[in-house]
């Protein structure tokens, strides 16, 4: 879709076509059939734009509560944060009078920032900026936002107290992780900013950690509902210069303390499977210290203890059995216990959970367990577990 096609989509004719496209609920597999149904009602490019918008609106529901009224591009939607993550990040800018959202894209972060301060939304792509304006209008904080079509590396520096930037991590259609390959390159942007100004930079969670460590920044890894979402670098006088892991929607945060990881031990009555934000941020030792729970192997993130400690930072399992990684013995044990439903996960094991489940061939029963393929003190094992119930309040 280009800007001309998008403007046509905003007309009364385009909106009616978009309504009809939405009723067809297009998916990738039905796109051609839906196109054939609408192709005689409008120019072909407008039909494609309407169907693409309808398709992306359905996908965007998991990120935006008003997705059915918003506008998207595929790449921009893939890179956009969900509302809850964007709101959390925006809270760091509360109290500032005006913030710049550089490389604002379709406006997802602009919306969140407009909830706490005045925003200057800057984008060099005219189509994305037009979509951002439309999307902000859906949420009705237009009076909070000024839109600017410009290049963030060449424009006169604006009068703002803080900056948020989500660099483009797709170059020539391929994903990039390095800070040097993003657009704009982070080092060029940092060279333009006042040193004390609060700056938040959104990055992919798989960013090379050695590149991050070379910067004088606070590193924050964020997960949502136990799924790792992003890394955010925070610069400026108000930042802590340490690493942290933040879990949403609870907002629980674990900070780097420099704790030492205790030596591994045999699994005890309970196991703790750390949230992926804890793992990626390298804060396993901090969590082990918090829970008084050592690891079960030098190359495994699972922790263990004799008693259950409720924590937002890990899922807790009650350990039923430790079995050697031997499928016939595992199958016999599960059948003897009447266990017919399993969820198989791996932590530090090369085994394929799908292949293991296929080979077990369990007769279906109501009894359910979690099987963890892992290593204990260097030995390949299967841990048979069940989710530990919460303690009584």
Protein backbone atom coordinates (compact mmCIF):
# COMPACT_ATOMS: atom_id res chain seq x y z
CA UNK A 1 0.00 0.00 0.00
CA UNK A 2 1.25 3.50 -0.82
CA UNK A 3 0.08 6.88 0.47
CA UNK A 4 -2.26 7.47 -2.47
CA UNK A 5 -4.00 4.13 -1.93
CA UNK A 6 -4.27 4.79 1.78
CA UNK A 7 -5.87 8.19 1.21
CA UNK A 8 -8.37 6.47 -1.12
CA UNK A 9 -9.10 3.98 1.65
CA UNK A 10 -10.04 6.88 3.95
CA UNK A 11 -12.75 8.17 1.60
CA UNK A 12 -16.40 7.19 2.02
CA UNK A 13 -16.04 4.70 -0.83
CA UNK A 14 -12.90 3.24 0.71
CA UNK A 15 -14.50 2.96 4.13
CA UNK A 16 -17.50 1.10 2.73
CA UNK A 17 -15.16 -1.27 0.91
CA UNK A 18 -13.19 -1.74 4.13
CA UNK A 19 -16.41 -2.58 5.98
CA UNK A 20 -17.22 -5.27 3.43
CA UNK A 21 -13.68 -6.60 3.58
CA UNK A 22 -13.95 -6.87 7.35
CA UNK A 23 -17.15 -8.89 7.05
CA UNK A 24 -15.28 -11.43 4.90
CA UNK A 25 -12.67 -11.91 7.69
CA UNK A 26 -9.81 -12.55 5.24
CA UNK A 27 -6.87 -14.79 6.10
CA UNK A 28 -3.80 -15.68 4.07
CA UNK A 29 -5.49 -18.84 2.78
CA UNK A 30 -8.72 -17.06 1.80
CA UNK A 31 -7.26 -13.78 0.55
CA UNK A 32 -7.64 -14.61 -3.16
CA UNK A 33 -11.21 -15.79 -2.74
CA UNK A 34 -12.09 -12.62 -0.84
CA UNK A 35 -10.39 -10.54 -3.50
CA UNK A 36 -12.47 -12.18 -6.21
CA UNK A 37 -15.66 -11.33 -4.30
CA UNK A 38 -14.77 -7.63 -4.07
CA UNK A 39 -12.79 -7.10 -7.28
CA UNK A 40 -15.77 -5.87 -9.30
CA UNK A 41 -16.73 -3.25 -6.71
CA UNK A 42 -13.60 -1.07 -6.77
CA UNK A 43 -10.14 -0.69 -8.39
CA UNK A 44 -7.93 -3.71 -7.74
CA UNK A 45 -5.33 -1.85 -5.67
CA UNK A 46 -7.99 -0.39 -3.40
CA UNK A 47 -9.52 -3.85 -2.92
CA UNK A 48 -6.11 -5.23 -1.97
CA UNK A 49 -5.56 -2.39 0.48
CA UNK A 50 -8.95 -2.97 2.10
CA UNK A 51 -8.45 -6.71 2.44
CA UNK A 52 -4.90 -6.27 3.76
CA UNK A 53 -6.15 -3.80 6.35
CA UNK A 54 -8.96 -6.13 7.41
CA UNK A 55 -6.51 -9.03 7.73
CA UNK A 56 -4.02 -7.01 9.78
CA UNK A 57 -6.73 -5.65 12.06
CA UNK A 58 -7.62 -9.21 13.03
CA UNK A 59 -3.97 -9.97 13.78
CA UNK A 60 -3.57 -6.77 15.76
CA UNK A 61 -6.29 -7.63 18.28
CA UNK A 62 -3.75 -9.25 20.60
CA UNK A 63 -1.80 -5.99 20.74
CA UNK A 64 -4.38 -3.19 20.45
CA UNK A 65 -7.81 -3.08 22.07
CA UNK A 66 -9.16 -0.80 19.30
CA UNK A 67 -7.46 -2.66 16.46
CA UNK A 68 -10.70 -2.88 14.45
CA UNK A 69 -10.52 0.87 13.81
CA UNK A 70 -6.77 1.21 13.27
CA UNK A 71 -4.48 0.99 10.24
CA UNK A 72 -1.38 -1.15 9.86
CA UNK A 73 1.47 -2.24 7.64
CA UNK A 74 2.72 -5.79 8.09
CA UNK A 75 6.26 -4.94 9.08
CA UNK A 76 5.15 -2.11 11.35
CA UNK A 77 2.61 -4.34 13.12
CA UNK A 78 5.19 -7.09 13.67
CA UNK A 79 7.55 -4.59 15.26
CA UNK A 80 4.87 -2.81 17.32
CA UNK A 81 4.65 -3.43 21.05
CA UNK A 82 1.39 -4.41 22.71
CA UNK A 83 -0.44 -1.66 24.55
CA UNK A 84 0.48 -2.98 28.00
CA UNK A 85 4.21 -3.01 27.22
CA UNK A 86 4.09 0.44 25.62
CA UNK A 87 2.17 1.89 28.60
CA UNK A 88 4.71 0.45 31.01
CA UNK A 89 7.57 2.03 29.10
CA UNK A 90 5.75 5.34 28.80
CA UNK A 91 5.41 5.52 32.59
CA UNK A 92 9.17 6.20 32.77
CA UNK A 93 8.50 9.54 31.04
CA UNK A 94 5.72 10.67 33.39
CA UNK A 95 6.42 14.12 34.79
CA UNK A 96 8.24 15.38 31.69
CA UNK A 97 6.55 18.22 29.81
CA UNK A 98 7.30 17.01 26.26
CA UNK A 99 8.80 13.86 24.78
CA UNK A 100 9.90 13.01 21.23
CA UNK A 101 8.84 9.67 19.77
CA UNK A 102 11.43 9.21 17.04
CA UNK A 103 10.77 6.73 14.23
CA UNK A 104 7.17 6.63 15.49
CA UNK A 105 5.97 4.27 12.75
CA UNK A 106 2.22 3.69 12.89
CA UNK A 107 1.96 5.33 16.32
CA UNK A 108 1.71 2.52 18.84
CA UNK A 109 4.24 4.04 21.23
CA UNK A 110 2.96 7.55 20.49
CA UNK A 111 -0.41 6.49 21.89
CA UNK A 112 1.14 5.29 25.14
CA UNK A 113 3.34 8.37 25.56
CA UNK A 114 0.39 10.67 24.93
CA UNK A 115 -1.19 9.18 28.02
CA UNK A 116 1.49 10.76 30.23
CA UNK A 117 2.86 13.82 28.40
CA UNK A 118 2.91 15.97 25.26
CA UNK A 119 4.48 14.12 22.32
CA UNK A 120 6.35 15.09 19.18
CA UNK A 121 5.96 12.11 16.82
CA UNK A 122 8.65 12.04 14.13
CA UNK A 123 8.72 9.72 11.13
CA UNK A 124 10.43 9.98 7.75
CA UNK A 125 7.96 7.68 5.96
CA UNK A 126 4.91 9.71 4.93
CA UNK A 127 2.56 6.70 4.81
CA UNK A 128 3.47 5.54 8.32
CA UNK A 129 3.13 9.06 9.68
CA UNK A 130 -0.34 9.39 8.10
CA UNK A 131 -1.34 6.07 9.66
CA UNK A 132 0.03 7.21 13.02
CA UNK A 133 -2.17 10.31 12.88
CA UNK A 134 -5.23 8.18 12.10
CA UNK A 135 -4.43 5.68 14.84
CA UNK A 136 -3.90 8.38 17.46
CA UNK A 137 -7.24 9.88 16.46
CA UNK A 138 -8.92 6.53 17.21
CA UNK A 139 -7.78 6.87 20.83
CA UNK A 140 -8.58 10.62 20.85
CA UNK A 141 -5.44 12.17 22.39
CA UNK A 142 -4.72 14.24 19.22
CA UNK A 143 -4.33 17.41 21.27
CA UNK A 144 -1.38 15.74 23.02
CA UNK A 145 0.54 14.96 19.82
CA UNK A 146 2.37 16.99 17.17
CA UNK A 147 3.35 15.10 14.02
CA UNK A 148 6.51 15.82 12.05
CA UNK A 149 7.67 14.32 8.74
CA UNK A 150 11.47 14.42 8.98
CA UNK A 151 14.71 12.42 9.26
CA UNK A 152 15.77 12.08 12.92
CA UNK A 153 19.46 12.22 11.97
CA UNK A 154 19.16 15.49 10.04
CA UNK A 155 16.33 17.51 11.53
CA UNK A 156 16.96 20.44 13.92
CA UNK A 157 16.95 19.06 17.45
CA UNK A 158 13.51 19.69 19.04
CA UNK A 159 12.77 21.23 22.44
CA UNK A 160 11.93 18.11 24.45
CA UNK A 161 12.84 16.70 27.86
CA UNK A 162 12.93 13.05 26.85
CA UNK A 163 13.21 10.81 23.81
CA UNK A 164 11.91 7.37 22.91
CA UNK A 165 13.06 5.63 19.75
CA UNK A 166 12.15 2.32 18.15
CA UNK A 167 14.74 1.89 15.38
CA UNK A 168 13.72 -0.08 12.32
CA UNK A 169 15.06 -3.62 12.69
CA UNK A 170 14.10 -4.73 9.19
CA UNK A 171 16.61 -3.81 6.49
CA UNK A 172 15.94 -4.84 2.88
CA UNK A 173 13.27 -7.22 4.12
CA UNK A 174 15.47 -9.10 6.60
CA UNK A 175 15.59 -8.94 10.38
CA UNK A 176 18.67 -7.42 11.96
CA UNK A 177 19.77 -7.63 15.58
CA UNK A 178 22.98 -5.64 15.69
CA UNK A 179 22.82 -2.08 16.99
CA UNK A 180 24.98 -1.08 14.02
CA UNK A 181 22.51 -2.39 11.43
CA UNK A 182 19.31 -0.77 12.73
CA UNK A 183 17.91 2.33 11.07
CA UNK A 184 18.90 4.79 12.30
CA UNK A 185 22.15 3.29 13.67
CA UNK A 186 22.12 3.79 17.42
CA UNK A 187 25.59 5.33 17.66
CA UNK A 188 24.60 8.07 15.21
CA UNK A 189 21.47 8.87 17.20
CA UNK A 190 23.33 8.92 20.53
CA UNK A 191 25.80 11.42 19.11
CA UNK A 192 22.96 13.91 18.66
CA UNK A 193 21.41 13.66 22.11
CA UNK A 194 22.23 15.75 25.19
CA UNK A 195 23.99 13.42 27.66
CA UNK A 196 21.62 13.96 30.59
CA UNK A 197 18.38 13.62 28.60
CA UNK A 198 16.22 10.59 29.36
CA UNK A 199 16.33 8.28 26.34
CA UNK A 200 14.63 4.93 25.90
CA UNK A 201 15.64 2.70 22.98
CA UNK A 202 13.54 -0.34 22.12
CA UNK A 203 15.51 -3.31 20.76
CA UNK A 204 14.82 -6.93 19.90
CA UNK A 205 15.41 -9.22 22.90
CA UNK A 206 17.98 -11.11 20.84
CA UNK A 207 20.27 -8.08 20.54
CA UNK A 208 23.94 -9.14 20.89
CA UNK A 209 24.68 -8.71 24.59
CA UNK A 210 28.30 -7.74 24.03
CA UNK A 211 27.10 -4.72 22.05
CA UNK A 212 24.72 -3.74 24.85
CA UNK A 213 27.39 -4.11 27.54
CA UNK A 214 29.64 -1.70 25.66
CA UNK A 215 27.13 1.11 26.22
CA UNK A 216 26.68 3.18 29.37
CA UNK A 217 23.02 2.28 29.73
CA UNK A 218 20.49 0.56 31.93
CA UNK A 219 19.41 -2.71 30.31
CA UNK A 220 15.83 -3.85 30.81
CA UNK A 221 14.44 -7.10 29.44
CA UNK A 222 10.64 -7.21 29.38
CA UNK A 223 8.31 -10.20 29.19
CA UNK A 224 4.54 -10.28 28.86
CA UNK A 225 2.62 -13.32 30.12
CA UNK A 226 5.88 -15.31 30.28
CA UNK A 227 6.86 -14.45 26.69
CA UNK A 228 10.04 -12.43 26.18
CA UNK A 229 9.14 -9.30 24.21
CA UNK A 230 11.96 -6.79 24.06
CA UNK A 231 15.09 -5.20 25.43
CA UNK A 232 15.01 -1.51 26.32
CA UNK A 233 18.12 0.57 26.86
CA UNK A 234 17.72 3.59 29.13
CA UNK A 235 20.18 6.48 28.98
CA UNK A 236 20.39 9.70 30.98
CA UNK A 237 20.97 10.99 34.47
CA UNK A 238 17.79 9.40 35.87
CA UNK A 239 18.71 5.83 34.90
CA UNK A 240 20.27 3.19 37.17
CA UNK A 241 23.01 1.80 34.88
CA UNK A 242 22.20 -1.76 35.92
CA UNK A 243 20.43 -4.68 34.31
CA UNK A 244 16.88 -5.55 35.21
CA UNK A 245 14.14 -7.97 34.21
CA UNK A 246 10.53 -6.77 34.25
CA UNK A 247 7.52 -9.06 34.06
CA UNK A 248 4.18 -7.81 32.78
CA UNK A 249 1.33 -7.50 33.49
CA UNK A 250 2.39 -7.70 37.16
CA UNK A 251 5.19 -5.14 36.80
CA UNK A 252 7.48 -7.19 39.04
CA UNK A 253 11.13 -6.24 38.54
CA UNK A 254 14.31 -8.08 39.51
CA UNK A 255 17.51 -6.03 39.65
CA UNK A 256 21.10 -7.03 39.10
CA UNK A 257 23.00 -7.27 42.39
CA UNK A 258 26.13 -9.18 41.42
CA UNK A 259 25.05 -12.28 43.34
CA UNK A 260 27.06 -15.46 42.82
CA UNK A 261 25.30 -18.58 41.60
CA UNK A 262 25.59 -21.40 44.18
CA UNK A 263 26.89 -24.82 43.10
CA UNK A 264 24.28 -27.23 41.69
CA UNK A 265 22.53 -29.81 43.85
CA UNK A 266 20.17 -32.74 43.41
CA UNK A 267 16.54 -31.65 42.83
CA UNK A 268 14.52 -31.18 45.98
CA UNK A 269 10.74 -31.16 46.44
CA UNK A 270 10.15 -28.07 44.29
CA UNK A 271 11.54 -26.74 41.02
CA UNK A 272 11.52 -23.17 39.75
CA UNK A 273 11.49 -22.42 36.03
CA UNK A 274 12.55 -18.76 35.65
CA UNK A 275 10.64 -16.35 33.44
CA UNK A 276 12.42 -15.83 30.07
CA UNK A 277 13.14 -12.19 30.98
CA UNK A 278 15.13 -13.46 33.99
CA UNK A 279 17.02 -15.91 31.81
CA UNK A 280 17.84 -13.44 29.04
CA UNK A 281 18.93 -10.76 31.48
CA UNK A 282 21.32 -13.21 33.15
CA UNK A 283 19.77 -12.77 36.60
CA UNK A 284 19.55 -16.46 37.53
CA UNK A 285 21.98 -15.95 40.43
CA UNK A 286 19.86 -13.08 41.78
CA UNK A 287 16.76 -15.26 41.62
CA UNK A 288 18.57 -18.17 43.26
CA UNK A 289 19.58 -15.90 46.11
CA UNK A 290 16.05 -14.52 46.45
CA UNK A 291 14.49 -18.00 46.62
CA UNK A 292 17.35 -19.72 48.47
CA UNK A 293 17.22 -22.21 45.62
CA UNK A 294 20.40 -23.53 43.94
CA UNK A 295 20.45 -24.79 40.33
CA UNK A 296 20.25 -28.47 39.44
CA UNK A 297 23.05 -28.31 36.87
CA UNK A 298 25.74 -25.90 35.75
CA UNK A 299 24.13 -25.66 32.28
CA UNK A 300 20.48 -25.49 33.33
CA UNK A 301 18.38 -22.55 34.54
CA UNK A 302 16.11 -24.66 36.77
CA UNK A 303 16.39 -23.97 40.50
CA UNK A 304 15.30 -26.18 43.38
CA UNK A 305 14.35 -25.99 47.06
CA UNK A 306 12.78 -28.05 49.83
CA UNK A 307 9.87 -25.68 50.33
CA UNK A 308 7.66 -23.69 48.00
CA UNK A 309 8.19 -19.94 47.85
CA UNK A 310 5.65 -18.04 45.77
CA UNK A 311 7.34 -15.74 43.30
CA UNK A 312 6.29 -13.81 40.18
CA UNK A 313 9.70 -14.51 38.64
CA UNK A 314 9.35 -18.25 38.01
CA UNK A 315 6.85 -21.02 37.58
CA UNK A 316 6.94 -23.45 40.46
CA UNK A 317 6.58 -27.21 39.94
CA UNK A 318 6.23 -29.92 42.55
CA UNK A 319 8.58 -32.77 41.73
CA UNK A 320 7.03 -36.23 41.54
CA UNK A 321 9.91 -38.29 40.15
CA UNK A 322 13.39 -38.17 38.65
CA UNK A 323 13.85 -40.71 35.86
CA UNK A 324 16.81 -41.42 33.58
CA UNK A 325 16.32 -40.30 30.01
CA UNK A 326 15.18 -43.70 28.80
CA UNK A 327 11.88 -43.68 26.91
CA UNK A 328 10.75 -47.26 27.65
CA UNK A 329 11.28 -46.72 31.41
CA UNK A 330 9.54 -43.34 31.20
CA UNK A 331 6.61 -44.88 29.32
CA UNK A 332 6.26 -47.67 31.89
CA UNK A 333 6.32 -45.21 34.79
CA UNK A 334 3.65 -42.98 33.26
CA UNK A 335 1.36 -45.92 32.50
CA UNK A 336 1.80 -47.35 36.00
CA UNK A 337 0.81 -43.96 37.44
CA UNK A 338 -2.20 -43.68 35.12
CA UNK A 339 -0.80 -40.56 33.45
CA UNK A 340 -2.15 -40.13 29.92
CA UNK A 341 -1.69 -36.44 29.24
CA UNK A 342 1.68 -34.70 29.31
CA UNK A 343 3.24 -31.40 28.45
CA UNK A 344 6.89 -31.83 27.55
CA UNK A 345 9.44 -29.04 27.82
CA UNK A 346 13.21 -29.01 27.76
CA UNK A 347 15.78 -27.10 29.77
CA UNK A 348 19.36 -27.75 28.72
CA UNK A 349 18.48 -30.86 26.73
CA UNK A 350 18.88 -31.50 23.01
CA UNK A 351 15.94 -33.92 22.89
CA UNK A 352 12.94 -33.02 20.74
CA UNK A 353 9.78 -32.74 22.92
CA UNK A 354 7.48 -33.45 19.96
CA UNK A 355 9.38 -36.59 19.05
CA UNK A 356 9.46 -37.77 22.68
CA UNK A 357 5.69 -37.37 23.04
CA UNK A 358 5.11 -39.22 19.77
CA UNK A 359 7.21 -42.16 20.92
CA UNK A 360 5.57 -42.40 24.35
CA UNK A 361 2.21 -43.45 22.83
CA UNK A 362 0.32 -42.99 26.08
CA UNK A 363 -3.27 -44.22 26.42
CA UNK A 364 -5.43 -41.14 27.07
CA UNK A 365 -6.44 -40.54 30.70
CA UNK A 366 -7.39 -37.47 32.73
CA UNK A 367 -4.19 -37.57 34.78
CA UNK A 368 -1.78 -34.83 33.62
CA UNK A 369 1.91 -34.11 34.30
CA UNK A 370 4.66 -31.85 33.03
CA UNK A 371 7.78 -33.66 31.80
CA UNK A 372 11.00 -31.65 31.85
CA UNK A 373 13.82 -32.96 29.69
CA UNK A 374 16.97 -31.67 31.33
CA UNK A 375 20.26 -32.52 33.03
CA UNK A 376 20.98 -33.00 36.72
CA UNK A 377 24.61 -32.79 37.78
CA UNK A 378 25.63 -33.72 34.24
CA UNK A 379 23.16 -36.63 33.79
CA UNK A 380 20.36 -36.61 31.21
CA UNK A 381 17.06 -37.05 33.08
CA UNK A 382 13.32 -36.55 32.86
CA UNK A 383 11.68 -34.71 35.74
CA UNK A 384 8.03 -35.60 36.25
CA UNK A 385 6.28 -32.59 37.75
CA UNK A 386 2.99 -30.91 38.38
CA UNK A 387 2.24 -27.24 38.87
CA UNK A 388 2.50 -26.39 42.54
CA UNK A 389 -0.80 -25.02 43.89
CA UNK A 390 -0.65 -21.54 45.44
CA UNK A 391 -0.29 -21.45 49.19
CA UNK A 392 -3.25 -20.39 51.26
CA UNK A 393 -3.27 -16.66 52.00
